[in-house]
Amino acid sequence: MDEIITSFGCLRPWRMEDEAAVAKYANNRAIWLNLRDGFPHPYGVEDARNFLNAAINQHPDTFYAIATPEEAIGSIGITILSDVHRLTAELGYWLAEPYWGRGVMSEAVRAFTDYAFERFGLVRIFAEPYARNAASCRVLEKAGFSLEGRMRRAAIKDGQQTDMFLYARIKE
C-alpha cells in the first residue's frame, strides 16, 4: 500500500473512515454529469460504503483517494485491461467541486499515472472524457496525455448522446 505525496496532501489507499467525505462530495450532479452511470446520483452513505468496500478489497489496489491532510476530496484509479491489452489501463477520476480549478487534479493525474506505469508495468494509460468536459481535457493535457481522437456519439449521458475524446499517455 503506497502513498504518493503531493503539494495538496497525498494520493493514498481508501479507508472506511473516508465514508462521510465520499458521501458528502460525491453527491453532486455536476460531478455525476462527467462520469459513467455506474457512479450513482444521488449518492448516499450506502453508495460510499459499497464503493469503499470494493476499493479496499481490490487486488491489486488500483483506486486511490485524493486527500488533503484532513479528508478525502476525490478519487483516482485505473482499470487494467487484459489479453492483448494487458499493458494498457483506463484512467478515471473525480474531484470535490470546492477544489476545482486549483491544479489539484492535474497534479494528481500526473503523479498517479507515473506511479501506475512503474507499479503495474504498463505501457499505455488512456482516458475517455466527454467532449463537453473541457476542464477534464485540460487536466489530461497538463498531465502529459495526448489527444488521439474524437469518438462521435460514443455515449449516452443524462439522456443525451455525446461525443467522447480519447486521450492517452505512453510510457517513455
N, C-alpha and C. Protein backbone atom coordinates (compact mmCIF):
# COMPACT_ATOMS: atom_id res chain seq x y z
N MET A 1 0.84 -1.18 0.00
CA MET A 1 0.00 0.00 0.00
C MET A 1 0.89 1.24 0.00
N ASP A 2 0.94 1.90 -1.12
CA ASP A 2 1.80 3.06 -1.26
C ASP A 2 1.01 4.34 -1.06
N GLU A 3 1.70 5.37 -0.62
CA GLU A 3 1.14 6.72 -0.52
C GLU A 3 1.98 7.61 -1.41
N ILE A 4 1.33 8.44 -2.20
CA ILE A 4 2.02 9.34 -3.12
C ILE A 4 1.85 10.75 -2.57
N ILE A 5 2.93 11.38 -2.18
CA ILE A 5 2.90 12.72 -1.59
C ILE A 5 2.70 13.76 -2.70
N THR A 6 1.82 14.73 -2.43
CA THR A 6 1.53 15.82 -3.38
C THR A 6 1.59 17.15 -2.64
N SER A 7 1.48 18.24 -3.39
CA SER A 7 1.51 19.56 -2.76
C SER A 7 0.26 19.83 -1.93
N PHE A 8 -0.85 19.17 -2.24
CA PHE A 8 -2.11 19.38 -1.51
C PHE A 8 -2.35 18.37 -0.40
N GLY A 9 -1.55 17.30 -0.36
CA GLY A 9 -1.72 16.24 0.62
C GLY A 9 -1.12 14.95 0.08
N CYS A 10 -1.99 14.04 -0.40
CA CYS A 10 -1.47 12.79 -0.94
C CYS A 10 -2.53 12.04 -1.74
N LEU A 11 -2.05 11.04 -2.44
CA LEU A 11 -2.90 10.01 -3.04
C LEU A 11 -2.62 8.78 -2.20
N ARG A 12 -3.66 8.17 -1.67
CA ARG A 12 -3.46 7.07 -0.74
C ARG A 12 -4.56 6.03 -0.88
N PRO A 13 -4.30 4.84 -0.35
CA PRO A 13 -5.36 3.83 -0.37
C PRO A 13 -6.59 4.33 0.39
N TRP A 14 -7.75 3.86 -0.04
CA TRP A 14 -9.00 4.21 0.62
C TRP A 14 -9.09 3.52 1.98
N ARG A 15 -9.86 4.14 2.90
CA ARG A 15 -10.15 3.53 4.19
C ARG A 15 -11.62 3.79 4.53
N MET A 16 -12.18 2.96 5.36
CA MET A 16 -13.60 3.09 5.71
C MET A 16 -13.89 4.43 6.39
N GLU A 17 -12.91 5.03 7.02
CA GLU A 17 -13.12 6.34 7.66
C GLU A 17 -13.41 7.44 6.64
N ASP A 18 -13.21 7.15 5.35
CA ASP A 18 -13.48 8.13 4.29
C ASP A 18 -14.96 8.20 3.91
N GLU A 19 -15.78 7.35 4.52
CA GLU A 19 -17.18 7.24 4.12
C GLU A 19 -17.93 8.57 4.13
N ALA A 20 -17.84 9.35 5.19
CA ALA A 20 -18.59 10.60 5.28
C ALA A 20 -18.14 11.60 4.21
N ALA A 21 -16.85 11.71 3.98
CA ALA A 21 -16.34 12.65 2.97
C ALA A 21 -16.77 12.23 1.57
N VAL A 22 -16.71 10.93 1.27
CA VAL A 22 -17.13 10.46 -0.05
C VAL A 22 -18.61 10.75 -0.25
N ALA A 23 -19.44 10.41 0.74
CA ALA A 23 -20.88 10.66 0.61
C ALA A 23 -21.17 12.15 0.43
N LYS A 24 -20.44 13.00 1.15
CA LYS A 24 -20.66 14.45 1.07
C LYS A 24 -20.27 14.98 -0.31
N TYR A 25 -19.07 14.67 -0.77
CA TYR A 25 -18.57 15.26 -2.01
C TYR A 25 -19.10 14.59 -3.28
N ALA A 26 -19.36 13.28 -3.23
CA ALA A 26 -19.81 12.57 -4.43
C ALA A 26 -21.28 12.85 -4.75
N ASN A 27 -22.03 13.33 -3.79
CA ASN A 27 -23.44 13.61 -4.00
C ASN A 27 -23.59 14.98 -4.68
N ASN A 28 -23.16 15.04 -5.94
CA ASN A 28 -23.11 16.31 -6.67
C ASN A 28 -23.42 16.03 -8.14
N ARG A 29 -24.49 16.59 -8.63
CA ARG A 29 -24.89 16.35 -10.02
C ARG A 29 -23.83 16.80 -11.01
N ALA A 30 -23.11 17.87 -10.71
CA ALA A 30 -22.06 18.36 -11.62
C ALA A 30 -20.95 17.32 -11.77
N ILE A 31 -20.65 16.59 -10.72
CA ILE A 31 -19.66 15.51 -10.81
C ILE A 31 -20.26 14.34 -11.59
N TRP A 32 -21.47 13.95 -11.23
CA TRP A 32 -22.14 12.82 -11.89
C TRP A 32 -22.23 13.02 -13.40
N LEU A 33 -22.49 14.23 -13.85
CA LEU A 33 -22.63 14.50 -15.29
C LEU A 33 -21.37 14.18 -16.08
N ASN A 34 -20.22 14.15 -15.42
CA ASN A 34 -18.95 13.89 -16.12
C ASN A 34 -18.44 12.47 -15.94
N LEU A 35 -19.22 11.63 -15.26
CA LEU A 35 -18.80 10.25 -15.01
C LEU A 35 -19.75 9.26 -15.67
N ARG A 36 -19.37 8.01 -15.64
CA ARG A 36 -20.22 6.96 -16.20
C ARG A 36 -21.39 6.67 -15.26
N ASP A 37 -22.39 6.01 -15.77
CA ASP A 37 -23.60 5.77 -14.99
C ASP A 37 -23.42 4.81 -13.83
N GLY A 38 -22.31 4.10 -13.76
CA GLY A 38 -22.02 3.27 -12.59
C GLY A 38 -21.82 4.10 -11.33
N PHE A 39 -21.58 5.40 -11.50
CA PHE A 39 -21.44 6.35 -10.39
C PHE A 39 -22.84 6.91 -10.14
N PRO A 40 -23.48 6.55 -9.02
CA PRO A 40 -24.89 6.91 -8.83
C PRO A 40 -25.13 8.38 -8.51
N HIS A 41 -26.36 8.82 -8.79
CA HIS A 41 -26.83 10.14 -8.35
C HIS A 41 -28.31 10.03 -8.09
N PRO A 42 -28.79 10.44 -6.93
CA PRO A 42 -27.99 10.95 -5.81
C PRO A 42 -27.06 9.89 -5.23
N TYR A 43 -26.06 10.36 -4.51
CA TYR A 43 -25.03 9.49 -3.94
C TYR A 43 -25.12 9.58 -2.43
N GLY A 44 -25.41 8.45 -1.78
CA GLY A 44 -25.60 8.46 -0.34
C GLY A 44 -24.54 7.69 0.41
N VAL A 45 -24.73 7.59 1.71
CA VAL A 45 -23.80 6.90 2.59
C VAL A 45 -23.65 5.43 2.19
N GLU A 46 -24.75 4.78 1.82
CA GLU A 46 -24.69 3.38 1.41
C GLU A 46 -23.86 3.22 0.14
N ASP A 47 -23.97 4.18 -0.79
CA ASP A 47 -23.15 4.15 -2.01
C ASP A 47 -21.67 4.30 -1.65
N ALA A 48 -21.39 5.21 -0.74
CA ALA A 48 -19.99 5.40 -0.30
C ALA A 48 -19.46 4.13 0.35
N ARG A 49 -20.27 3.50 1.20
CA ARG A 49 -19.86 2.28 1.88
C ARG A 49 -19.58 1.16 0.86
N ASN A 50 -20.46 1.01 -0.13
CA ASN A 50 -20.27 -0.01 -1.16
C ASN A 50 -18.99 0.25 -1.96
N PHE A 51 -18.77 1.51 -2.35
CA PHE A 51 -17.56 1.86 -3.09
C PHE A 51 -16.31 1.55 -2.26
N LEU A 52 -16.31 1.98 -1.01
CA LEU A 52 -15.13 1.79 -0.16
C LEU A 52 -14.85 0.31 0.08
N ASN A 53 -15.88 -0.48 0.29
CA ASN A 53 -15.67 -1.93 0.46
C ASN A 53 -15.01 -2.52 -0.78
N ALA A 54 -15.49 -2.12 -1.96
CA ALA A 54 -14.90 -2.63 -3.20
C ALA A 54 -13.47 -2.15 -3.37
N ALA A 55 -13.23 -0.87 -3.12
CA ALA A 55 -11.88 -0.30 -3.31
C ALA A 55 -10.88 -0.90 -2.33
N ILE A 56 -11.28 -1.07 -1.09
CA ILE A 56 -10.38 -1.59 -0.06
C ILE A 56 -10.03 -3.06 -0.31
N ASN A 57 -10.97 -3.80 -0.86
CA ASN A 57 -10.75 -5.24 -1.08
C ASN A 57 -10.24 -5.56 -2.48
N GLN A 58 -9.86 -4.56 -3.22
CA GLN A 58 -9.37 -4.77 -4.57
C GLN A 58 -7.92 -5.24 -4.55
N HIS A 59 -7.61 -6.22 -5.39
CA HIS A 59 -6.24 -6.72 -5.51
C HIS A 59 -5.90 -6.90 -6.97
N PRO A 60 -4.94 -6.18 -7.51
CA PRO A 60 -4.15 -5.18 -6.79
C PRO A 60 -4.96 -3.91 -6.53
N ASP A 61 -4.49 -3.09 -5.62
CA ASP A 61 -5.20 -1.84 -5.30
C ASP A 61 -4.90 -0.81 -6.39
N THR A 62 -5.91 -0.51 -7.18
CA THR A 62 -5.74 0.41 -8.31
C THR A 62 -6.59 1.67 -8.19
N PHE A 63 -7.34 1.82 -7.10
CA PHE A 63 -8.14 3.03 -6.87
C PHE A 63 -7.67 3.69 -5.58
N TYR A 64 -7.35 4.97 -5.68
CA TYR A 64 -6.80 5.71 -4.55
C TYR A 64 -7.65 6.92 -4.21
N ALA A 65 -7.57 7.32 -2.95
CA ALA A 65 -8.19 8.57 -2.51
C ALA A 65 -7.27 9.72 -2.87
N ILE A 66 -7.87 10.80 -3.33
CA ILE A 66 -7.17 12.09 -3.44
C ILE A 66 -7.48 12.78 -2.13
N ALA A 67 -6.47 13.07 -1.33
CA ALA A 67 -6.74 13.52 0.04
C ALA A 67 -5.90 14.72 0.45
N THR A 68 -6.54 15.61 1.19
CA THR A 68 -5.82 16.65 1.92
C THR A 68 -5.41 16.02 3.25
N PRO A 69 -4.66 16.72 4.08
CA PRO A 69 -4.35 16.14 5.40
C PRO A 69 -5.62 15.88 6.24
N GLU A 70 -6.72 16.60 5.92
CA GLU A 70 -7.93 16.48 6.72
C GLU A 70 -8.90 15.40 6.23
N GLU A 71 -9.04 15.26 4.89
CA GLU A 71 -10.09 14.36 4.39
C GLU A 71 -9.86 13.98 2.93
N ALA A 72 -10.58 12.94 2.50
CA ALA A 72 -10.60 12.54 1.09
C ALA A 72 -11.44 13.55 0.32
N ILE A 73 -10.93 14.01 -0.83
CA ILE A 73 -11.64 15.01 -1.63
C ILE A 73 -11.90 14.53 -3.06
N GLY A 74 -11.58 13.28 -3.34
CA GLY A 74 -11.83 12.76 -4.67
C GLY A 74 -11.24 11.38 -4.82
N SER A 75 -11.30 10.88 -6.04
CA SER A 75 -10.84 9.53 -6.33
C SER A 75 -10.10 9.49 -7.65
N ILE A 76 -9.12 8.61 -7.74
CA ILE A 76 -8.39 8.39 -8.98
C ILE A 76 -8.05 6.90 -9.05
N GLY A 77 -8.14 6.36 -10.24
CA GLY A 77 -7.84 4.94 -10.36
C GLY A 77 -7.73 4.50 -11.80
N ILE A 78 -7.25 3.28 -11.95
CA ILE A 78 -7.14 2.68 -13.27
C ILE A 78 -7.83 1.33 -13.28
N THR A 79 -8.27 0.95 -14.46
CA THR A 79 -8.75 -0.39 -14.73
C THR A 79 -7.79 -0.99 -15.73
N ILE A 80 -7.07 -2.01 -15.30
CA ILE A 80 -6.08 -2.66 -16.17
C ILE A 80 -6.81 -3.62 -17.09
N LEU A 81 -6.54 -3.51 -18.37
CA LEU A 81 -7.20 -4.35 -19.35
C LEU A 81 -6.52 -5.72 -19.42
N SER A 82 -7.00 -6.60 -20.26
CA SER A 82 -6.48 -7.97 -20.30
C SER A 82 -6.16 -8.39 -21.73
N ASP A 83 -5.70 -9.60 -21.86
CA ASP A 83 -5.39 -10.24 -23.13
C ASP A 83 -4.37 -9.37 -23.89
N VAL A 84 -4.61 -9.05 -25.12
CA VAL A 84 -3.64 -8.29 -25.91
C VAL A 84 -3.50 -6.85 -25.41
N HIS A 85 -4.42 -6.42 -24.54
CA HIS A 85 -4.37 -5.06 -23.98
C HIS A 85 -3.83 -5.05 -22.55
N ARG A 86 -3.14 -6.10 -22.13
CA ARG A 86 -2.74 -6.25 -20.73
C ARG A 86 -1.71 -5.23 -20.25
N LEU A 87 -1.07 -4.49 -21.15
CA LEU A 87 -0.13 -3.43 -20.75
C LEU A 87 -0.79 -2.06 -20.83
N THR A 88 -2.12 -2.05 -20.94
CA THR A 88 -2.91 -0.82 -21.08
C THR A 88 -3.91 -0.73 -19.93
N ALA A 89 -4.18 0.50 -19.49
CA ALA A 89 -5.18 0.72 -18.46
C ALA A 89 -5.99 1.97 -18.79
N GLU A 90 -7.24 1.96 -18.34
CA GLU A 90 -8.09 3.14 -18.47
C GLU A 90 -8.07 3.91 -17.15
N LEU A 91 -7.91 5.21 -17.23
CA LEU A 91 -7.85 6.10 -16.08
C LEU A 91 -9.21 6.75 -15.85
N GLY A 92 -9.60 6.84 -14.60
CA GLY A 92 -10.80 7.56 -14.22
C GLY A 92 -10.55 8.35 -12.95
N TYR A 93 -11.32 9.43 -12.77
CA TYR A 93 -11.12 10.28 -11.60
C TYR A 93 -12.29 11.22 -11.40
N TRP A 94 -12.42 11.71 -10.17
CA TRP A 94 -13.35 12.80 -9.87
C TRP A 94 -12.78 13.57 -8.68
N LEU A 95 -13.21 14.82 -8.58
CA LEU A 95 -12.71 15.70 -7.52
C LEU A 95 -13.86 16.51 -6.94
N ALA A 96 -13.84 16.71 -5.64
CA ALA A 96 -14.86 17.53 -4.96
C ALA A 96 -14.89 18.92 -5.58
N GLU A 97 -16.09 19.42 -5.84
CA GLU A 97 -16.22 20.70 -6.53
C GLU A 97 -15.51 21.87 -5.85
N PRO A 98 -15.44 21.96 -4.52
CA PRO A 98 -14.72 23.09 -3.92
C PRO A 98 -13.23 23.14 -4.30
N TYR A 99 -12.69 22.05 -4.85
CA TYR A 99 -11.27 22.00 -5.21
C TYR A 99 -11.03 22.16 -6.71
N TRP A 100 -12.09 22.35 -7.49
CA TRP A 100 -11.94 22.54 -8.93
C TRP A 100 -11.17 23.82 -9.23
N GLY A 101 -10.38 23.79 -10.29
CA GLY A 101 -9.68 24.99 -10.75
C GLY A 101 -8.45 25.35 -9.95
N ARG A 102 -7.96 24.47 -9.11
CA ARG A 102 -6.80 24.76 -8.26
C ARG A 102 -5.55 23.96 -8.65
N GLY A 103 -5.64 23.18 -9.73
CA GLY A 103 -4.50 22.38 -10.15
C GLY A 103 -4.35 21.06 -9.43
N VAL A 104 -5.27 20.76 -8.52
CA VAL A 104 -5.20 19.53 -7.74
C VAL A 104 -5.26 18.31 -8.66
N MET A 105 -6.24 18.30 -9.57
CA MET A 105 -6.42 17.12 -10.41
C MET A 105 -5.29 16.96 -11.41
N SER A 106 -4.78 18.05 -11.97
CA SER A 106 -3.65 17.93 -12.91
C SER A 106 -2.45 17.28 -12.21
N GLU A 107 -2.18 17.72 -10.99
CA GLU A 107 -1.07 17.13 -10.23
C GLU A 107 -1.35 15.68 -9.88
N ALA A 108 -2.59 15.40 -9.48
CA ALA A 108 -2.95 14.03 -9.11
C ALA A 108 -2.83 13.09 -10.31
N VAL A 109 -3.31 13.51 -11.48
CA VAL A 109 -3.26 12.65 -12.66
C VAL A 109 -1.82 12.38 -13.06
N ARG A 110 -0.99 13.41 -13.06
CA ARG A 110 0.41 13.20 -13.43
C ARG A 110 1.09 12.24 -12.45
N ALA A 111 0.94 12.49 -11.16
CA ALA A 111 1.60 11.66 -10.15
C ALA A 111 1.09 10.22 -10.18
N PHE A 112 -0.23 10.06 -10.29
CA PHE A 112 -0.79 8.71 -10.28
C PHE A 112 -0.41 7.95 -11.55
N THR A 113 -0.38 8.64 -12.68
CA THR A 113 0.00 7.98 -13.94
C THR A 113 1.45 7.50 -13.87
N ASP A 114 2.35 8.36 -13.38
CA ASP A 114 3.76 7.95 -13.21
C ASP A 114 3.85 6.71 -12.32
N TYR A 115 3.13 6.75 -11.21
CA TYR A 115 3.11 5.62 -10.26
C TYR A 115 2.58 4.36 -10.94
N ALA A 116 1.46 4.47 -11.66
CA ALA A 116 0.83 3.30 -12.28
C ALA A 116 1.73 2.67 -13.34
N PHE A 117 2.42 3.51 -14.12
CA PHE A 117 3.35 2.95 -15.11
C PHE A 117 4.38 2.06 -14.43
N GLU A 118 4.96 2.54 -13.34
CA GLU A 118 6.00 1.79 -12.65
C GLU A 118 5.45 0.59 -11.87
N ARG A 119 4.41 0.81 -11.11
CA ARG A 119 3.89 -0.25 -10.23
C ARG A 119 3.32 -1.43 -11.00
N PHE A 120 2.64 -1.15 -12.12
CA PHE A 120 1.92 -2.22 -12.82
C PHE A 120 2.56 -2.61 -14.15
N GLY A 121 3.72 -2.02 -14.48
CA GLY A 121 4.41 -2.38 -15.71
C GLY A 121 3.63 -2.02 -16.97
N LEU A 122 2.86 -0.95 -16.90
CA LEU A 122 2.04 -0.54 -18.03
C LEU A 122 2.85 0.22 -19.07
N VAL A 123 2.34 0.24 -20.28
CA VAL A 123 2.96 0.99 -21.37
C VAL A 123 2.04 2.13 -21.82
N ARG A 124 0.72 1.95 -21.65
CA ARG A 124 -0.25 2.92 -22.15
C ARG A 124 -1.37 3.10 -21.11
N ILE A 125 -1.69 4.35 -20.83
CA ILE A 125 -2.83 4.69 -19.98
C ILE A 125 -3.68 5.68 -20.76
N PHE A 126 -4.98 5.40 -20.82
CA PHE A 126 -5.87 6.27 -21.59
C PHE A 126 -7.05 6.72 -20.75
N ALA A 127 -7.70 7.78 -21.22
CA ALA A 127 -8.92 8.29 -20.60
C ALA A 127 -9.87 8.73 -21.70
N GLU A 128 -11.16 8.66 -21.39
CA GLU A 128 -12.19 9.00 -22.37
C GLU A 128 -13.18 10.02 -21.80
N PRO A 129 -12.77 11.29 -21.68
CA PRO A 129 -13.70 12.30 -21.18
C PRO A 129 -14.77 12.63 -22.21
N TYR A 130 -15.93 13.05 -21.72
CA TYR A 130 -16.96 13.55 -22.62
C TYR A 130 -16.41 14.79 -23.31
N ALA A 131 -16.75 14.97 -24.58
CA ALA A 131 -16.22 16.09 -25.35
C ALA A 131 -16.60 17.44 -24.74
N ARG A 132 -17.72 17.51 -24.05
CA ARG A 132 -18.15 18.76 -23.44
C ARG A 132 -17.40 19.10 -22.15
N ASN A 133 -16.59 18.17 -21.66
CA ASN A 133 -15.87 18.37 -20.40
C ASN A 133 -14.48 18.97 -20.66
N ALA A 134 -14.47 20.25 -21.00
CA ALA A 134 -13.22 20.93 -21.34
C ALA A 134 -12.22 20.91 -20.18
N ALA A 135 -12.71 21.00 -18.95
CA ALA A 135 -11.80 21.01 -17.80
C ALA A 135 -11.03 19.70 -17.69
N SER A 136 -11.71 18.58 -17.90
CA SER A 136 -11.02 17.29 -17.83
C SER A 136 -10.02 17.14 -18.96
N CYS A 137 -10.37 17.65 -20.12
CA CYS A 137 -9.42 17.61 -21.26
C CYS A 137 -8.16 18.40 -20.91
N ARG A 138 -8.32 19.57 -20.30
CA ARG A 138 -7.17 20.38 -19.89
C ARG A 138 -6.33 19.65 -18.84
N VAL A 139 -6.99 19.00 -17.89
CA VAL A 139 -6.28 18.22 -16.87
C VAL A 139 -5.38 17.18 -17.54
N LEU A 140 -5.95 16.43 -18.47
CA LEU A 140 -5.18 15.38 -19.14
C LEU A 140 -4.02 15.96 -19.93
N GLU A 141 -4.24 17.04 -20.64
CA GLU A 141 -3.17 17.66 -21.42
C GLU A 141 -2.04 18.16 -20.51
N LYS A 142 -2.39 18.78 -19.39
CA LYS A 142 -1.38 19.26 -18.44
C LYS A 142 -0.59 18.10 -17.84
N ALA A 143 -1.23 16.92 -17.77
CA ALA A 143 -0.58 15.74 -17.18
C ALA A 143 0.17 14.91 -18.23
N GLY A 144 0.33 15.45 -19.44
CA GLY A 144 1.14 14.78 -20.45
C GLY A 144 0.40 13.83 -21.37
N PHE A 145 -0.93 13.83 -21.33
CA PHE A 145 -1.72 13.00 -22.23
C PHE A 145 -1.89 13.72 -23.56
N SER A 146 -1.98 12.94 -24.63
CA SER A 146 -2.19 13.48 -25.98
C SER A 146 -3.56 13.08 -26.49
N LEU A 147 -4.20 14.01 -27.18
CA LEU A 147 -5.49 13.72 -27.80
C LEU A 147 -5.25 12.82 -29.00
N GLU A 148 -5.89 11.66 -29.00
CA GLU A 148 -5.74 10.72 -30.11
C GLU A 148 -6.95 10.73 -31.04
N GLY A 149 -8.08 11.21 -30.57
CA GLY A 149 -9.22 11.23 -31.46
C GLY A 149 -10.52 11.59 -30.77
N ARG A 150 -11.52 11.81 -31.59
CA ARG A 150 -12.88 12.10 -31.14
C ARG A 150 -13.75 10.91 -31.52
N MET A 151 -14.45 10.36 -30.55
CA MET A 151 -15.35 9.25 -30.79
C MET A 151 -16.77 9.83 -30.84
N ARG A 152 -17.31 9.89 -32.03
CA ARG A 152 -18.59 10.56 -32.24
C ARG A 152 -19.75 9.73 -31.70
N ARG A 153 -20.64 10.43 -30.97
CA ARG A 153 -21.85 9.83 -30.41
C ARG A 153 -21.54 8.51 -29.70
N ALA A 154 -20.50 8.51 -28.93
CA ALA A 154 -19.99 7.29 -28.30
C ALA A 154 -20.69 6.92 -27.00
N ALA A 155 -21.46 7.84 -26.43
CA ALA A 155 -22.06 7.57 -25.13
C ALA A 155 -23.41 8.27 -25.02
N ILE A 156 -24.19 7.78 -24.06
CA ILE A 156 -25.44 8.44 -23.69
C ILE A 156 -25.31 8.80 -22.23
N LYS A 157 -25.43 10.08 -21.91
CA LYS A 157 -25.36 10.53 -20.52
C LYS A 157 -26.50 11.51 -20.29
N ASP A 158 -27.23 11.30 -19.23
CA ASP A 158 -28.35 12.16 -18.87
C ASP A 158 -29.34 12.28 -20.03
N GLY A 159 -29.53 11.16 -20.73
CA GLY A 159 -30.49 11.12 -21.83
C GLY A 159 -30.03 11.74 -23.13
N GLN A 160 -28.77 12.17 -23.20
CA GLN A 160 -28.25 12.83 -24.40
C GLN A 160 -27.09 12.03 -24.98
N GLN A 161 -27.10 11.86 -26.30
CA GLN A 161 -25.92 11.26 -26.94
C GLN A 161 -24.82 12.29 -26.93
N THR A 162 -23.61 11.83 -26.70
CA THR A 162 -22.48 12.75 -26.62
C THR A 162 -21.23 12.14 -27.22
N ASP A 163 -20.39 13.02 -27.75
CA ASP A 163 -19.08 12.60 -28.24
C ASP A 163 -18.15 12.43 -27.03
N MET A 164 -17.12 11.63 -27.25
CA MET A 164 -16.07 11.47 -26.24
C MET A 164 -14.73 11.67 -26.93
N PHE A 165 -13.76 12.14 -26.18
CA PHE A 165 -12.40 12.22 -26.68
C PHE A 165 -11.61 11.02 -26.16
N LEU A 166 -10.59 10.65 -26.90
CA LEU A 166 -9.67 9.61 -26.46
C LEU A 166 -8.31 10.27 -26.25
N TYR A 167 -7.88 10.29 -25.00
CA TYR A 167 -6.56 10.80 -24.63
C TYR A 167 -5.71 9.62 -24.16
N ALA A 168 -4.42 9.68 -24.43
CA ALA A 168 -3.53 8.61 -23.93
C ALA A 168 -2.16 9.18 -23.60
N ARG A 169 -1.53 8.50 -22.68
CA ARG A 169 -0.13 8.79 -22.35
C ARG A 169 0.61 7.47 -22.47
N ILE A 170 1.72 7.52 -23.16
CA ILE A 170 2.56 6.35 -23.39
C ILE A 170 3.80 6.47 -22.53
N LYS A 171 4.18 5.37 -21.89
CA LYS A 171 5.38 5.39 -21.05
C LYS A 171 6.60 5.65 -21.93
N GLU A 172 7.39 6.61 -21.53
CA GLU A 172 8.60 6.96 -22.31
C GLU A 172 9.68 5.95 -22.08
